[in-house]
PDB file of N, CA and C in Angstrom:
ATOM      1  N   THR A   1     -71.892  18.858-137.681  1.00  0.00           N
ATOM      2  CA  THR A   1     -71.492  20.141-138.253  1.00  0.00           C
ATOM      3  C   THR A   1     -72.575  21.189-138.000  1.00  0.00           C
ATOM      4  N   THR A   2     -73.825  20.756-137.921  1.00  0.00           N
ATOM      5  CA  THR A   2     -74.929  21.701-137.696  1.00  0.00           C
ATOM      6  C   THR A   2     -75.407  21.605-136.253  1.00  0.00           C
ATOM      7  N   GLU A   3     -74.541  21.120-135.363  1.00  0.00           N
ATOM      8  CA  GLU A   3     -74.935  20.996-133.954  1.00  0.00           C
ATOM      9  C   GLU A   3     -75.203  22.369-133.351  1.00  0.00           C
ATOM     10  N   GLY A   4     -74.453  23.363-133.791  1.00  0.00           N
ATOM     11  CA  GLY A   4     -74.637  24.710-133.264  1.00  0.00           C
ATOM     12  C   GLY A   4     -75.707  25.475-134.016  1.00  0.00           C
ATOM     13  N   LYS A   5     -76.395  24.778-134.929  1.00  0.00           N
ATOM     14  CA  LYS A   5     -77.442  25.460-135.710  1.00  0.00           C
ATOM     15  C   LYS A   5     -78.738  24.652-135.677  1.00  0.00           C
ATOM     16  N   PRO A   6     -79.424  24.644-134.537  1.00  0.00           N
ATOM     17  CA  PRO A   6     -80.692  23.918-134.413  1.00  0.00           C
ATOM     18  C   PRO A   6     -81.773  24.525-135.287  1.00  0.00           C
ATOM     19  N   SER A   7     -81.544  25.775-135.685  1.00  0.00           N
ATOM     20  CA  SER A   7     -82.526  26.459-136.525  1.00  0.00           C
ATOM     21  C   SER A   7     -82.627  25.774-137.884  1.00  0.00           C
ATOM     22  N   ASP A   8     -81.529  25.138-138.310  1.00  0.00           N
ATOM     23  CA  ASP A   8     -81.541  24.431-139.596  1.00  0.00           C
ATOM     24  C   ASP A   8     -82.619  23.359-139.601  1.00  0.00           C
ATOM     25  N   ALA A   9     -82.659  22.578-138.527  1.00  0.00           N
ATOM     26  CA  ALA A   9     -83.659  21.516-138.418  1.00  0.00           C
ATOM     27  C   ALA A   9     -85.052  22.119-138.380  1.00  0.00           C
ATOM     28  N   THR A  10     -85.164  23.250-137.699  1.00  0.00           N
ATOM     29  CA  THR A  10     -86.461  23.926-137.610  1.00  0.00           C
ATOM     30  C   THR A  10     -86.914  24.384-138.986  1.00  0.00           C
ATOM     31  N   ILE A  11     -85.974  24.945-139.740  1.00  0.00           N
ATOM     32  CA  ILE A  11     -86.302  25.428-141.085  1.00  0.00           C
ATOM     33  C   ILE A  11     -86.746  24.260-141.958  1.00  0.00           C
ATOM     34  N   ILE A  12     -86.048  23.135-141.835  1.00  0.00           N
ATOM     35  CA  ILE A  12     -86.390  21.949-142.629  1.00  0.00           C
ATOM     36  C   ILE A  12     -87.807  21.498-142.284  1.00  0.00           C
ATOM     37  N   SER A  13     -88.123  21.513-140.984  1.00  0.00           N
ATOM     38  CA  SER A  13     -89.458  21.108-140.544  1.00  0.00           C
ATOM     39  C   SER A  13     -90.506  22.047-141.111  1.00  0.00           C
ATOM     40  N   ILE A  14     -90.194  23.339-141.098  1.00  0.00           N
ATOM     41  CA  ILE A  14     -91.128  24.333-141.625  1.00  0.00           C
ATOM     42  C   ILE A  14     -91.337  24.106-143.119  1.00  0.00           C
ATOM     43  N   VAL A  15     -90.240  23.876-143.834  1.00  0.00           N
ATOM     44  CA  VAL A  15     -90.322  23.650-145.277  1.00  0.00           C
ATOM     45  C   VAL A  15     -91.149  22.404-145.551  1.00  0.00           C
ATOM     46  N   ASP A  16     -90.976  21.372-144.703  1.00  0.00           N
ATOM     47  CA  ASP A  16     -91.747  20.143-144.865  1.00  0.00           C
ATOM     48  C   ASP A  16     -93.234  20.439-144.719  1.00  0.00           C
ATOM     49  N   SER A  17     -93.582  21.211-143.700  1.00  0.00           N
ATOM     50  CA  SER A  17     -94.979  21.553-143.455  1.00  0.00           C
ATOM     51  C   SER A  17     -95.535  22.357-144.621  1.00  0.00           C
ATOM     52  N   ILE A  18     -94.727  23.274-145.118  1.00  0.00           N
ATOM     53  CA  ILE A  18     -95.153  24.102-146.247  1.00  0.00           C
ATOM     54  C   ILE A  18     -95.351  23.229-147.479  1.00  0.00           C
ATOM     55  N   ASP A  19     -94.444  22.273-147.664  1.00  0.00           N
ATOM     56  CA  ASP A  19     -94.530  21.390-148.821  1.00  0.00           C
ATOM     57  C   ASP A  19     -95.828  20.588-148.768  1.00  0.00           C
ATOM     58  N   ILE A  20     -96.249  20.224-147.552  1.00  0.00           N
ATOM     59  CA  ILE A  20     -97.499  19.481-147.381  1.00  0.00           C
ATOM     60  C   ILE A  20     -98.675  20.365-147.786  1.00  0.00           C
ATOM     61  N   ASN A  21     -98.609  21.622-147.395  1.00  0.00           N
ATOM     62  CA  ASN A  21     -99.670  22.568-147.745  1.00  0.00           C
ATOM     63  C   ASN A  21     -99.695  22.786-149.248  1.00  0.00           C
ATOM     64  N   GLY A  22     -98.501  22.810-149.835  1.00  0.00           N
ATOM     65  CA  GLY A  22     -98.416  22.947-151.286  1.00  0.00           C
ATOM     66  C   GLY A  22     -98.751  24.341-151.770  1.00  0.00           C
ATOM     67  N   GLU A  23     -98.714  25.303-150.868  1.00  0.00           N
ATOM     68  CA  GLU A  23     -99.021  26.675-151.282  1.00  0.00           C
ATOM     69  C   GLU A  23     -98.096  27.646-150.570  1.00  0.00           C
ATOM     70  N   TYR A  24     -96.919  27.843-151.138  1.00  0.00           N
ATOM     71  CA  TYR A  24     -95.971  28.784-150.543  1.00  0.00           C
ATOM     72  C   TYR A  24     -94.833  29.074-151.507  1.00  0.00           C
ATOM     73  N   VAL A  25     -94.011  30.048-151.159  1.00  0.00           N
ATOM     74  CA  VAL A  25     -92.898  30.447-152.019  1.00  0.00           C
ATOM     75  C   VAL A  25     -91.894  29.304-152.157  1.00  0.00           C
ATOM     76  N   TYR A  26     -91.784  28.502-151.095  1.00  0.00           N
ATOM     77  CA  TYR A  26     -90.828  27.397-151.123  1.00  0.00           C
ATOM     78  C   TYR A  26     -91.205  26.372-152.190  1.00  0.00           C
ATOM     79  N   ARG A  27     -92.434  26.454-152.686  1.00  0.00           N
ATOM     80  CA  ARG A  27     -92.879  25.516-153.711  1.00  0.00           C
ATOM     81  C   ARG A  27     -91.951  25.581-154.923  1.00  0.00           C
ATOM     82  N   LYS A  28     -91.604  26.794-155.350  1.00  0.00           N
ATOM     83  CA  LYS A  28     -90.760  26.984-156.528  1.00  0.00           C
ATOM     84  C   LYS A  28     -89.379  26.372-156.305  1.00  0.00           C
ATOM     85  N   ASP A  29     -88.993  26.220-155.054  1.00  0.00           N
ATOM     86  CA  ASP A  29     -87.689  25.644-154.741  1.00  0.00           C
ATOM     87  C   ASP A  29     -87.724  24.129-154.941  1.00  0.00           C
ATOM     88  N   LYS A  30     -88.923  23.570-154.952  1.00  0.00           N
ATOM     89  CA  LYS A  30     -89.075  22.121-155.106  1.00  0.00           C
ATOM     90  C   LYS A  30     -89.373  21.756-156.556  1.00  0.00           C
ATOM     91  N   GLU A  31     -89.351  22.728-157.441  1.00  0.00           N
ATOM     92  CA  GLU A  31     -89.617  22.451-158.848  1.00  0.00           C
ATOM     93  C   GLU A  31     -88.396  21.776-159.449  1.00  0.00           C
TER      94      GLU A  31
END
């Protein structure tokens, strides 16, 4: 379903990296 949206995987990877850093706006999304 997301075959035409490779950016989704990219965003997930970015969020993962941010989560590792533990210092970003996405942090509040993981609360």
